[in-house]
Amino acid sequence: MTKNQLQELANLKYLGSHTHSHYPLGLLETDHIIEELKQSKTYFETITQSKIETVAYPYGTDEACTTAVSKLASAAGYKFGFTTKRGTNSNIMDKLLLNRFDCNDVVGGKNYNL
């Protein structure tokens, strides 16, 4: 993507992080998790001059998205984090460990059944 495209997404508050190296964070040492979270956040904030407050965790599994990862993401300045766990968020206990819907499961997706 171009810098202009990234800026446009940031202006709309649609730009978030996916970490620097795409590792499953919950399987890494604490220092490495911190670096992964901060490096991509700083990169995008520098390019766009906008705050990056969301992260979509690589792999998004329970092993990759632990409570420790959530706390480190919060400390790095993220406000929302998305796992790959499918479902709603009607009883939000941790805004840094949010469920989501796979695009294939919603109307128009390949798994959607009428």
PDB file of N, CA and C in Angstrom:
ATOM      1  N   MET A   1       0.832  -1.174   0.000  1.00  0.00           N
ATOM      2  CA  MET A   1       0.000   0.000   0.000  1.00  0.00           C
ATOM      3  C   MET A   1       0.881   1.243   0.000  1.00  0.00           C
ATOM      4  N   THR A   2       0.348   2.283  -0.567  1.00  0.00           N
ATOM      5  CA  THR A   2       1.089   3.548  -0.579  1.00  0.00           C
ATOM      6  C   THR A   2       0.891   4.280   0.753  1.00  0.00           C
ATOM      7  N   LYS A   3       1.745   5.252   0.999  1.00  0.00           N
ATOM      8  CA  LYS A   3       1.594   6.071   2.203  1.00  0.00           C
ATOM      9  C   LYS A   3       0.263   6.823   2.185  1.00  0.00           C
ATOM     10  N   ASN A   4      -0.142   7.265   1.009  1.00  0.00           N
ATOM     11  CA  ASN A   4      -1.425   7.972   0.897  1.00  0.00           C
ATOM     12  C   ASN A   4      -2.597   7.048   1.249  1.00  0.00           C
ATOM     13  N   GLN A   5      -2.545   5.810   0.815  1.00  0.00           N
ATOM     14  CA  GLN A   5      -3.604   4.860   1.144  1.00  0.00           C
ATOM     15  C   GLN A   5      -3.631   4.572   2.646  1.00  0.00           C
ATOM     16  N   LEU A   6      -2.458   4.428   3.238  1.00  0.00           N
ATOM     17  CA  LEU A   6      -2.388   4.218   4.690  1.00  0.00           C
ATOM     18  C   LEU A   6      -2.929   5.434   5.429  1.00  0.00           C
ATOM     19  N   GLN A   7      -2.603   6.626   4.948  1.00  0.00           N
ATOM     20  CA  GLN A   7      -3.094   7.846   5.570  1.00  0.00           C
ATOM     21  C   GLN A   7      -4.610   7.926   5.490  1.00  0.00           C
ATOM     22  N   GLU A   8      -5.153   7.549   4.343  1.00  0.00           N
ATOM     23  CA  GLU A   8      -6.607   7.581   4.182  1.00  0.00           C
ATOM     24  C   GLU A   8      -7.287   6.625   5.164  1.00  0.00           C
ATOM     25  N   LEU A   9      -6.750   5.434   5.302  1.00  0.00           N
ATOM     26  CA  LEU A   9      -7.300   4.474   6.266  1.00  0.00           C
ATOM     27  C   LEU A   9      -7.182   5.001   7.691  1.00  0.00           C
ATOM     28  N   ALA A  10      -6.050   5.600   8.019  1.00  0.00           N
ATOM     29  CA  ALA A  10      -5.847   6.144   9.357  1.00  0.00           C
ATOM     30  C   ALA A  10      -6.824   7.283   9.642  1.00  0.00           C
ATOM     31  N   ASN A  11      -7.050   8.130   8.656  1.00  0.00           N
ATOM     32  CA  ASN A  11      -7.988   9.239   8.830  1.00  0.00           C
ATOM     33  C   ASN A  11      -9.394   8.741   9.134  1.00  0.00           C
ATOM     34  N   LEU A  12      -9.748   7.591   8.573  1.00  0.00           N
ATOM     35  CA  LEU A  12     -11.067   6.994   8.801  1.00  0.00           C
ATOM     36  C   LEU A  12     -11.103   6.125  10.059  1.00  0.00           C
ATOM     37  N   LYS A  13      -9.956   6.019  10.729  1.00  0.00           N
ATOM     38  CA  LYS A  13      -9.812   5.147  11.920  1.00  0.00           C
ATOM     39  C   LYS A  13      -9.968   3.674  11.558  1.00  0.00           C
ATOM     40  N   TYR A  14      -9.586   3.315  10.336  1.00  0.00           N
ATOM     41  CA  TYR A  14      -9.668   1.935   9.855  1.00  0.00           C
ATOM     42  C   TYR A  14      -8.318   1.222   9.889  1.00  0.00           C
ATOM     43  N   LEU A  15      -7.257   1.931  10.219  1.00  0.00           N
ATOM     44  CA  LEU A  15      -5.925   1.343  10.198  1.00  0.00           C
ATOM     45  C   LEU A  15      -5.559   0.829  11.581  1.00  0.00           C
ATOM     46  N   GLY A  16      -5.162  -0.423  11.629  1.00  0.00           N
ATOM     47  CA  GLY A  16      -4.703  -1.019  12.876  1.00  0.00           C
ATOM     48  C   GLY A  16      -3.450  -1.829  12.628  1.00  0.00           C
ATOM     49  N   SER A  17      -2.933  -2.369  13.684  1.00  0.00           N
ATOM     50  CA  SER A  17      -1.699  -3.149  13.615  1.00  0.00           C
ATOM     51  C   SER A  17      -2.002  -4.639  13.472  1.00  0.00           C
ATOM     52  N   HIS A  18      -1.059  -5.340  12.934  1.00  0.00           N
ATOM     53  CA  HIS A  18      -1.108  -6.804  12.857  1.00  0.00           C
ATOM     54  C   HIS A  18       0.244  -7.356  13.312  1.00  0.00           C
ATOM     55  N   THR A  19       0.964  -6.557  14.055  1.00  0.00           N
ATOM     56  CA  THR A  19       2.323  -6.783  14.564  1.00  0.00           C
ATOM     57  C   THR A  19       3.358  -6.689  13.449  1.00  0.00           C
ATOM     58  N   HIS A  20       4.609  -6.767  13.823  1.00  0.00           N
ATOM     59  CA  HIS A  20       5.683  -6.573  12.853  1.00  0.00           C
ATOM     60  C   HIS A  20       5.998  -7.838  12.054  1.00  0.00           C
ATOM     61  N   SER A  21       6.142  -8.956  12.727  1.00  0.00           N
ATOM     62  CA  SER A  21       6.619 -10.169  12.047  1.00  0.00           C
ATOM     63  C   SER A  21       5.579 -11.274  11.910  1.00  0.00           C
ATOM     64  N   HIS A  22       4.365 -11.036  12.375  1.00  0.00           N
ATOM     65  CA  HIS A  22       3.266 -11.987  12.247  1.00  0.00           C
ATOM     66  C   HIS A  22       3.496 -13.287  13.016  1.00  0.00           C
ATOM     67  N   TYR A  23       4.083 -13.202  14.182  1.00  0.00           N
ATOM     68  CA  TYR A  23       4.266 -14.366  15.047  1.00  0.00           C
ATOM     69  C   TYR A  23       3.056 -14.529  15.966  1.00  0.00           C
ATOM     70  N   PRO A  24       2.744 -15.747  16.401  1.00  0.00           N
ATOM     71  CA  PRO A  24       1.698 -15.934  17.418  1.00  0.00           C
ATOM     72  C   PRO A  24       2.229 -15.427  18.760  1.00  0.00           C
ATOM     73  N   LEU A  25       1.777 -14.273  19.173  1.00  0.00           N
ATOM     74  CA  LEU A  25       2.372 -13.562  20.306  1.00  0.00           C
ATOM     75  C   LEU A  25       2.414 -14.369  21.596  1.00  0.00           C
ATOM     76  N   GLY A  26       1.379 -15.110  21.905  1.00  0.00           N
ATOM     77  CA  GLY A  26       1.328 -15.850  23.156  1.00  0.00           C
ATOM     78  C   GLY A  26       2.396 -16.917  23.298  1.00  0.00           C
ATOM     79  N   LEU A  27       3.066 -17.218  22.221  1.00  0.00           N
ATOM     80  CA  LEU A  27       4.120 -18.235  22.253  1.00  0.00           C
ATOM     81  C   LEU A  27       5.520 -17.616  22.352  1.00  0.00           C
ATOM     82  N   LEU A  28       5.572 -16.298  22.456  1.00  0.00           N
ATOM     83  CA  LEU A  28       6.859 -15.594  22.503  1.00  0.00           C
ATOM     84  C   LEU A  28       7.204 -15.151  23.922  1.00  0.00           C
ATOM     85  N   GLU A  29       8.461 -14.820  24.127  1.00  0.00           N
ATOM     86  CA  GLU A  29       8.916 -14.234  25.384  1.00  0.00           C
ATOM     87  C   GLU A  29       8.372 -12.806  25.495  1.00  0.00           C
ATOM     88  N   THR A  30       8.190 -12.332  26.699  1.00  0.00           N
ATOM     89  CA  THR A  30       7.596 -11.023  26.948  1.00  0.00           C
ATOM     90  C   THR A  30       8.278  -9.905  26.174  1.00  0.00           C
ATOM     91  N   ASP A  31       9.584  -9.840  26.188  1.00  0.00           N
ATOM     92  CA  ASP A  31      10.302  -8.773  25.488  1.00  0.00           C
ATOM     93  C   ASP A  31      10.017  -8.787  23.990  1.00  0.00           C
ATOM     94  N   HIS A  32       9.905  -9.983  23.441  1.00  0.00           N
ATOM     95  CA  HIS A  32       9.640 -10.122  22.009  1.00  0.00           C
ATOM     96  C   HIS A  32       8.204  -9.683  21.694  1.00  0.00           C
ATOM     97  N   ILE A  33       7.250 -10.000  22.553  1.00  0.00           N
ATOM     98  CA  ILE A  33       5.861  -9.573  22.369  1.00  0.00           C
ATOM     99  C   ILE A  33       5.796  -8.051  22.353  1.00  0.00           C
ATOM    100  N   ILE A  34       6.445  -7.430  23.326  1.00  0.00           N
ATOM    101  CA  ILE A  34       6.451  -5.971  23.421  1.00  0.00           C
ATOM    102  C   ILE A  34       7.016  -5.354  22.145  1.00  0.00           C
ATOM    103  N   GLU A  35       8.110  -5.883  21.670  1.00  0.00           N
ATOM    104  CA  GLU A  35       8.739  -5.362  20.454  1.00  0.00           C
ATOM    105  C   GLU A  35       7.821  -5.525  19.242  1.00  0.00           C
ATOM    106  N   GLU A  36       7.170  -6.676  19.120  1.00  0.00           N
ATOM    107  CA  GLU A  36       6.253  -6.913  17.997  1.00  0.00           C
ATOM    108  C   GLU A  36       5.098  -5.921  18.011  1.00  0.00           C
ATOM    109  N   LEU A  37       4.539  -5.669  19.183  1.00  0.00           N
ATOM    110  CA  LEU A  37       3.416  -4.744  19.307  1.00  0.00           C
ATOM    111  C   LEU A  37       3.829  -3.302  19.053  1.00  0.00           C
ATOM    112  N   LYS A  38       4.953  -2.909  19.596  1.00  0.00           N
ATOM    113  CA  LYS A  38       5.392  -1.514  19.497  1.00  0.00           C
ATOM    114  C   LYS A  38       5.934  -1.159  18.115  1.00  0.00           C
ATOM    115  N   GLN A  39       6.657  -2.080  17.497  1.00  0.00           N
ATOM    116  CA  GLN A  39       7.331  -1.748  16.247  1.00  0.00           C
ATOM    117  C   GLN A  39       6.332  -1.389  15.145  1.00  0.00           C
ATOM    118  N   SER A  40       5.286  -2.195  14.977  1.00  0.00           N
ATOM    119  CA  SER A  40       4.329  -1.881  13.915  1.00  0.00           C
ATOM    120  C   SER A  40       3.500  -0.648  14.269  1.00  0.00           C
ATOM    121  N   LYS A  41       3.160  -0.504  15.548  1.00  0.00           N
ATOM    122  CA  LYS A  41       2.388   0.658  16.002  1.00  0.00           C
ATOM    123  C   LYS A  41       3.160   1.946  15.722  1.00  0.00           C
ATOM    124  N   THR A  42       4.415   1.974  16.100  1.00  0.00           N
ATOM    125  CA  THR A  42       5.261   3.151  15.881  1.00  0.00           C
ATOM    126  C   THR A  42       5.423   3.440  14.395  1.00  0.00           C
ATOM    127  N   TYR A  43       5.608   2.396  13.610  1.00  0.00           N
ATOM    128  CA  TYR A  43       5.781   2.562  12.160  1.00  0.00           C
ATOM    129  C   TYR A  43       4.570   3.264  11.554  1.00  0.00           C
ATOM    130  N   PHE A  44       3.374   2.757  11.831  1.00  0.00           N
ATOM    131  CA  PHE A  44       2.161   3.341  11.262  1.00  0.00           C
ATOM    132  C   PHE A  44       1.873   4.732  11.828  1.00  0.00           C
ATOM    133  N   GLU A  45       2.146   4.936  13.101  1.00  0.00           N
ATOM    134  CA  GLU A  45       1.917   6.255  13.687  1.00  0.00           C
ATOM    135  C   GLU A  45       2.856   7.295  13.087  1.00  0.00           C
ATOM    136  N   THR A  46       4.080   6.902  12.794  1.00  0.00           N
ATOM    137  CA  THR A  46       5.050   7.810  12.192  1.00  0.00           C
ATOM    138  C   THR A  46       4.631   8.183  10.769  1.00  0.00           C
ATOM    139  N   ILE A  47       4.215   7.194  10.005  1.00  0.00           N
ATOM    140  CA  ILE A  47       3.814   7.442   8.616  1.00  0.00           C
ATOM    141  C   ILE A  47       2.550   8.295   8.543  1.00  0.00           C
ATOM    142  N   THR A  48       1.574   7.998   9.389  1.00  0.00           N
ATOM    143  CA  THR A  48       0.257   8.631   9.266  1.00  0.00           C
ATOM    144  C   THR A  48       0.036   9.809  10.207  1.00  0.00           C
ATOM    145  N   GLN A  49       0.921   9.973  11.206  1.00  0.00           N
ATOM    146  CA  GLN A  49       0.723  10.998  12.223  1.00  0.00           C
ATOM    147  C   GLN A  49      -0.638  10.838  12.903  1.00  0.00           C
ATOM    148  N   SER A  50      -1.072   9.576  13.061  1.00  0.00           N
ATOM    149  CA  SER A  50      -2.345   9.229  13.697  1.00  0.00           C
ATOM    150  C   SER A  50      -2.094   8.169  14.750  1.00  0.00           C
ATOM    151  N   LYS A  51      -2.924   8.158  15.778  1.00  0.00           N
ATOM    152  CA  LYS A  51      -2.815   7.117  16.795  1.00  0.00           C
ATOM    153  C   LYS A  51      -3.343   5.798  16.246  1.00  0.00           C
ATOM    154  N   ILE A  52      -2.592   4.746  16.479  1.00  0.00           N
ATOM    155  CA  ILE A  52      -3.031   3.401  16.126  1.00  0.00           C
ATOM    156  C   ILE A  52      -3.459   2.737  17.428  1.00  0.00           C
ATOM    157  N   GLU A  53      -4.740   2.421  17.532  1.00  0.00           N
ATOM    158  CA  GLU A  53      -5.281   1.928  18.789  1.00  0.00           C
ATOM    159  C   GLU A  53      -5.855   0.523  18.706  1.00  0.00           C
ATOM    160  N   THR A  54      -5.802  -0.099  17.527  1.00  0.00           N
ATOM    161  CA  THR A  54      -6.331  -1.459  17.388  1.00  0.00           C
ATOM    162  C   THR A  54      -5.260  -2.405  16.862  1.00  0.00           C
ATOM    163  N   VAL A  55      -5.396  -3.649  17.263  1.00  0.00           N
ATOM    164  CA  VAL A  55      -4.511  -4.703  16.793  1.00  0.00           C
ATOM    165  C   VAL A  55      -5.355  -5.934  16.487  1.00  0.00           C
ATOM    166  N   ALA A  56      -5.069  -6.553  15.370  1.00  0.00           N
ATOM    167  CA  ALA A  56      -5.649  -7.852  15.025  1.00  0.00           C
ATOM    168  C   ALA A  56      -4.508  -8.850  15.175  1.00  0.00           C
ATOM    169  N   TYR A  57      -4.621  -9.694  16.172  1.00  0.00           N
ATOM    170  CA  TYR A  57      -3.514 -10.585  16.515  1.00  0.00           C
ATOM    171  C   TYR A  57      -3.269 -11.637  15.436  1.00  0.00           C
ATOM    172  N   PRO A  58      -2.007 -11.825  15.049  1.00  0.00           N
ATOM    173  CA  PRO A  58      -1.694 -12.901  14.119  1.00  0.00           C
ATOM    174  C   PRO A  58      -2.145 -14.243  14.701  1.00  0.00           C
ATOM    175  N   TYR A  59      -2.775 -15.022  13.871  1.00  0.00           N
ATOM    176  CA  TYR A  59      -3.307 -16.353  14.198  1.00  0.00           C
ATOM    177  C   TYR A  59      -4.544 -16.253  15.088  1.00  0.00           C
ATOM    178  N   GLY A  60      -4.588 -15.358  16.034  1.00  0.00           N
ATOM    179  CA  GLY A  60      -5.781 -15.066  16.807  1.00  0.00           C
ATOM    180  C   GLY A  60      -6.327 -16.165  17.692  1.00  0.00           C
ATOM    181  N   THR A  61      -5.577 -17.219  17.886  1.00  0.00           N
ATOM    182  CA  THR A  61      -6.028 -18.361  18.681  1.00  0.00           C
ATOM    183  C   THR A  61      -5.867 -18.084  20.172  1.00  0.00           C
ATOM    184  N   ASP A  62      -6.430 -18.958  20.990  1.00  0.00           N
ATOM    185  CA  ASP A  62      -6.282 -18.813  22.440  1.00  0.00           C
ATOM    186  C   ASP A  62      -4.816 -18.826  22.852  1.00  0.00           C
ATOM    187  N   GLU A  63      -3.998 -19.622  22.159  1.00  0.00           N
ATOM    188  CA  GLU A  63      -2.569 -19.697  22.485  1.00  0.00           C
ATOM    189  C   GLU A  63      -1.833 -18.417  22.077  1.00  0.00           C
ATOM    190  N   ALA A  64      -2.297 -17.789  21.016  1.00  0.00           N
ATOM    191  CA  ALA A  64      -1.653 -16.570  20.522  1.00  0.00           C
ATOM    192  C   ALA A  64      -2.148 -15.322  21.247  1.00  0.00           C
ATOM    193  N   CYS A  65      -3.356 -15.407  21.805  1.00  0.00           N
ATOM    194  CA  CYS A  65      -4.009 -14.242  22.432  1.00  0.00           C
ATOM    195  C   CYS A  65      -4.294 -14.530  23.898  1.00  0.00           C
ATOM    196  N   THR A  66      -3.277 -14.508  24.685  1.00  0.00           N
ATOM    197  CA  THR A  66      -3.422 -14.797  26.111  1.00  0.00           C
ATOM    198  C   THR A  66      -3.729 -13.529  26.892  1.00  0.00           C
ATOM    199  N   THR A  67      -4.086 -13.685  28.149  1.00  0.00           N
ATOM    200  CA  THR A  67      -4.305 -12.537  29.017  1.00  0.00           C
ATOM    201  C   THR A  67      -3.035 -11.704  29.129  1.00  0.00           C
ATOM    202  N   ALA A  68      -1.894 -12.361  29.166  1.00  0.00           N
ATOM    203  CA  ALA A  68      -0.621 -11.630  29.224  1.00  0.00           C
ATOM    204  C   ALA A  68      -0.422 -10.775  27.974  1.00  0.00           C
ATOM    205  N   VAL A  69      -0.768 -11.304  26.810  1.00  0.00           N
ATOM    206  CA  VAL A  69      -0.662 -10.542  25.563  1.00  0.00           C
ATOM    207  C   VAL A  69      -1.592  -9.337  25.621  1.00  0.00           C
ATOM    208  N   SER A  70      -2.800  -9.532  26.123  1.00  0.00           N
ATOM    209  CA  SER A  70      -3.760  -8.441  26.261  1.00  0.00           C
ATOM    210  C   SER A  70      -3.194  -7.320  27.134  1.00  0.00           C
ATOM    211  N   LYS A  71      -2.591  -7.677  28.245  1.00  0.00           N
ATOM    212  CA  LYS A  71      -2.024  -6.676  29.155  1.00  0.00           C
ATOM    213  C   LYS A  71      -0.861  -5.939  28.504  1.00  0.00           C
ATOM    214  N   LEU A  72      -0.045  -6.640  27.757  1.00  0.00           N
ATOM    215  CA  LEU A  72       1.074  -6.007  27.072  1.00  0.00           C
ATOM    216  C   LEU A  72       0.586  -5.088  25.947  1.00  0.00           C
ATOM    217  N   ALA A  73      -0.481  -5.494  25.267  1.00  0.00           N
ATOM    218  CA  ALA A  73      -1.063  -4.658  24.220  1.00  0.00           C
ATOM    219  C   ALA A  73      -1.607  -3.369  24.830  1.00  0.00           C
ATOM    220  N   SER A  74      -2.247  -3.486  25.976  1.00  0.00           N
ATOM    221  CA  SER A  74      -2.754  -2.306  26.671  1.00  0.00           C
ATOM    222  C   SER A  74      -1.606  -1.378  27.052  1.00  0.00           C
ATOM    223  N   ALA A  75      -0.555  -1.937  27.593  1.00  0.00           N
ATOM    224  CA  ALA A  75       0.608  -1.144  27.996  1.00  0.00           C
ATOM    225  C   ALA A  75       1.270  -0.466  26.796  1.00  0.00           C
ATOM    226  N   ALA A  76       1.159  -1.087  25.620  1.00  0.00           N
ATOM    227  CA  ALA A  76       1.737  -0.507  24.405  1.00  0.00           C
ATOM    228  C   ALA A  76       0.856   0.588  23.820  1.00  0.00           C
ATOM    229  N   GLY A  77      -0.351   0.753  24.370  1.00  0.00           N
ATOM    230  CA  GLY A  77      -1.217   1.828  23.911  1.00  0.00           C
ATOM    231  C   GLY A  77      -2.394   1.415  23.057  1.00  0.00           C
ATOM    232  N   TYR A  78      -2.608   0.128  22.909  1.00  0.00           N
ATOM    233  CA  TYR A  78      -3.763  -0.335  22.146  1.00  0.00           C
ATOM    234  C   TYR A  78      -5.006  -0.291  23.023  1.00  0.00           C
ATOM    235  N   LYS A  79      -6.150   0.005  22.410  1.00  0.00           N
ATOM    236  CA  LYS A  79      -7.421   0.037  23.140  1.00  0.00           C
ATOM    237  C   LYS A  79      -8.311  -1.142  22.799  1.00  0.00           C
ATOM    238  N   PHE A  80      -8.127  -1.708  21.591  1.00  0.00           N
ATOM    239  CA  PHE A  80      -8.940  -2.825  21.140  1.00  0.00           C
ATOM    240  C   PHE A  80      -8.057  -3.854  20.454  1.00  0.00           C
ATOM    241  N   GLY A  81      -8.344  -5.137  20.710  1.00  0.00           N
ATOM    242  CA  GLY A  81      -7.609  -6.221  20.084  1.00  0.00           C
ATOM    243  C   GLY A  81      -8.567  -7.286  19.604  1.00  0.00           C
ATOM    244  N   PHE A  82      -8.333  -7.778  18.402  1.00  0.00           N
ATOM    245  CA  PHE A  82      -9.225  -8.755  17.785  1.00  0.00           C
ATOM    246  C   PHE A  82      -8.557 -10.119  17.640  1.00  0.00           C
ATOM    247  N   THR A  83      -9.237 -11.126  18.172  1.00  0.00           N
ATOM    248  CA  THR A  83      -8.800 -12.507  18.030  1.00  0.00           C
ATOM    249  C   THR A  83      -9.456 -13.077  16.778  1.00  0.00           C
ATOM    250  N   THR A  84      -9.300 -14.366  16.548  1.00  0.00           N
ATOM    251  CA  THR A  84     -10.024 -15.022  15.460  1.00  0.00           C
ATOM    252  C   THR A  84     -11.145 -15.891  16.012  1.00  0.00           C
ATOM    253  N   LYS A  85     -11.399 -15.766  17.289  1.00  0.00           N
ATOM    254  CA  LYS A  85     -12.502 -16.504  17.890  1.00  0.00           C
ATOM    255  C   LYS A  85     -13.809 -15.945  17.349  1.00  0.00           C
ATOM    256  N   ARG A  86     -14.627 -16.829  16.786  1.00  0.00           N
ATOM    257  CA  ARG A  86     -15.880 -16.399  16.168  1.00  0.00           C
ATOM    258  C   ARG A  86     -16.947 -16.156  17.226  1.00  0.00           C
ATOM    259  N   GLY A  87     -17.677 -15.062  17.061  1.00  0.00           N
ATOM    260  CA  GLY A  87     -18.791 -14.796  17.949  1.00  0.00           C
ATOM    261  C   GLY A  87     -18.995 -13.325  18.209  1.00  0.00           C
ATOM    262  N   THR A  88     -20.055 -13.049  18.950  1.00  0.00           N
ATOM    263  CA  THR A  88     -20.381 -11.682  19.329  1.00  0.00           C
ATOM    264  C   THR A  88     -19.601 -11.290  20.577  1.00  0.00           C
ATOM    265  N   ASN A  89     -19.742 -10.067  20.969  1.00  0.00           N
ATOM    266  CA  ASN A  89     -19.072  -9.546  22.159  1.00  0.00           C
ATOM    267  C   ASN A  89     -20.102  -8.915  23.091  1.00  0.00           C
ATOM    268  N   SER A  90     -21.127  -9.667  23.419  1.00  0.00           N
ATOM    269  CA  SER A  90     -22.213  -9.129  24.230  1.00  0.00           C
ATOM    270  C   SER A  90     -21.814  -8.947  25.693  1.00  0.00           C
ATOM    271  N   ASN A  91     -20.857  -9.705  26.161  1.00  0.00           N
ATOM    272  CA  ASN A  91     -20.402  -9.591  27.546  1.00  0.00           C
ATOM    273  C   ASN A  91     -18.888  -9.337  27.519  1.00  0.00           C
ATOM    274  N   ILE A  92     -18.518  -8.126  27.150  1.00  0.00           N
ATOM    275  CA  ILE A  92     -17.106  -7.803  26.949  1.00  0.00           C
ATOM    276  C   ILE A  92     -16.382  -7.742  28.288  1.00  0.00           C
ATOM    277  N   MET A  93     -15.449  -8.650  28.458  1.00  0.00           N
ATOM    278  CA  MET A  93     -14.646  -8.653  29.673  1.00  0.00           C
ATOM    279  C   MET A  93     -13.286  -8.018  29.426  1.00  0.00           C
ATOM    280  N   ASP A  94     -12.822  -8.089  28.178  1.00  0.00           N
ATOM    281  CA  ASP A  94     -11.510  -7.547  27.845  1.00  0.00           C
ATOM    282  C   ASP A  94     -11.564  -7.017  26.423  1.00  0.00           C
ATOM    283  N   LYS A  95     -11.498  -5.701  26.256  1.00  0.00           N
ATOM    284  CA  LYS A  95     -11.578  -5.084  24.930  1.00  0.00           C
ATOM    285  C   LYS A  95     -10.362  -5.383  24.073  1.00  0.00           C
ATOM    286  N   LEU A  96      -9.360  -5.995  24.668  1.00  0.00           N
ATOM    287  CA  LEU A  96      -8.174  -6.366  23.901  1.00  0.00           C
ATOM    288  C   LEU A  96      -8.180  -7.844  23.520  1.00  0.00           C
ATOM    289  N   LEU A  97      -9.297  -8.518  23.783  1.00  0.00           N
ATOM    290  CA  LEU A  97      -9.478  -9.917  23.375  1.00  0.00           C
ATOM    291  C   LEU A  97     -10.890 -10.095  22.814  1.00  0.00           C
ATOM    292  N   LEU A  98     -11.199  -9.329  21.774  1.00  0.00           N
ATOM    293  CA  LEU A  98     -12.534  -9.349  21.200  1.00  0.00           C
ATOM    294  C   LEU A  98     -12.720 -10.481  20.196  1.00  0.00           C
ATOM    295  N   ASN A  99     -13.921 -11.054  20.196  1.00  0.00           N
ATOM    296  CA  ASN A  99     -14.314 -12.024  19.175  1.00  0.00           C
ATOM    297  C   ASN A  99     -14.630 -11.255  17.901  1.00  0.00           C
ATOM    298  N   ARG A 100     -14.771 -11.975  16.808  1.00  0.00           N
ATOM    299  CA  ARG A 100     -15.189 -11.355  15.557  1.00  0.00           C
ATOM    300  C   ARG A 100     -15.814 -12.405  14.662  1.00  0.00           C
ATOM    301  N   PHE A 101     -16.376 -11.961  13.586  1.00  0.00           N
ATOM    302  CA  PHE A 101     -16.943 -12.877  12.614  1.00  0.00           C
ATOM    303  C   PHE A 101     -15.990 -13.022  11.453  1.00  0.00           C
ATOM    304  N   ASP A 102     -15.825 -14.228  10.996  1.00  0.00           N
ATOM    305  CA  ASP A 102     -15.062 -14.485   9.784  1.00  0.00           C
ATOM    306  C   ASP A 102     -15.898 -13.985   8.617  1.00  0.00           C
ATOM    307  N   CYS A 103     -15.284 -13.281   7.685  1.00  0.00           N
ATOM    308  CA  CYS A 103     -16.034 -12.734   6.558  1.00  0.00           C
ATOM    309  C   CYS A 103     -16.698 -13.829   5.735  1.00  0.00           C
ATOM    310  N   ASN A 104     -16.208 -15.042   5.813  1.00  0.00           N
ATOM    311  CA  ASN A 104     -16.826 -16.148   5.089  1.00  0.00           C
ATOM    312  C   ASN A 104     -18.127 -16.614   5.734  1.00  0.00           C
ATOM    313  N   ASP A 105     -18.369 -16.230   6.983  1.00  0.00           N
ATOM    314  CA  ASP A 105     -19.563 -16.666   7.700  1.00  0.00           C
ATOM    315  C   ASP A 105     -20.713 -15.680   7.641  1.00  0.00           C
ATOM    316  N   VAL A 106     -20.505 -14.500   7.097  1.00  0.00           N
ATOM    317  CA  VAL A 106     -21.562 -13.493   7.037  1.00  0.00           C
ATOM    318  C   VAL A 106     -22.188 -13.485   5.650  1.00  0.00           C
ATOM    319  N   VAL A 107     -23.279 -12.733   5.507  1.00  0.00           N
ATOM    320  CA  VAL A 107     -23.998 -12.686   4.238  1.00  0.00           C
ATOM    321  C   VAL A 107     -23.025 -12.407   3.097  1.00  0.00           C
ATOM    322  N   GLY A 108     -23.073 -13.268   2.089  1.00  0.00           N
ATOM    323  CA  GLY A 108     -22.204 -13.153   0.932  1.00  0.00           C
ATOM    324  C   GLY A 108     -20.926 -13.964   1.038  1.00  0.00           C
ATOM    325  N   GLY A 109     -20.593 -14.442   2.236  1.00  0.00           N
ATOM    326  CA  GLY A 109     -19.405 -15.263   2.417  1.00  0.00           C
ATOM    327  C   GLY A 109     -19.607 -16.680   1.936  1.00  0.00           C
ATOM    328  N   LYS A 110     -18.523 -17.382   1.665  1.00  0.00           N
ATOM    329  CA  LYS A 110     -18.640 -18.723   1.085  1.00  0.00           C
ATOM    330  C   LYS A 110     -19.257 -19.751   2.029  1.00  0.00           C
ATOM    331  N   ASN A 111     -19.256 -19.505   3.344  1.00  0.00           N
ATOM    332  CA  ASN A 111     -19.850 -20.443   4.301  1.00  0.00           C
ATOM    333  C   ASN A 111     -21.267 -20.061   4.695  1.00  0.00           C
ATOM    334  N   TYR A 112     -21.764 -18.918   4.198  1.00  0.00           N
ATOM    335  CA  TYR A 112     -23.077 -18.435   4.595  1.00  0.00           C
ATOM    336  C   TYR A 112     -24.170 -19.281   3.965  1.00  0.00           C
ATOM    337  N   ASN A 113     -25.098 -19.718   4.813  1.00  0.00           N
ATOM    338  CA  ASN A 113     -26.242 -20.509   4.340  1.00  0.00           C
ATOM    339  C   ASN A 113     -27.525 -19.721   4.577  1.00  0.00           C
ATOM    340  N   LEU A 114     -28.325 -19.571   3.535  1.00  0.00           N
ATOM    341  CA  LEU A 114     -29.609 -18.858   3.671  1.00  0.00           C
ATOM    342  C   LEU A 114     -30.600 -19.694   4.435  1.00  0.00           C
TER     343      LEU A 114
END
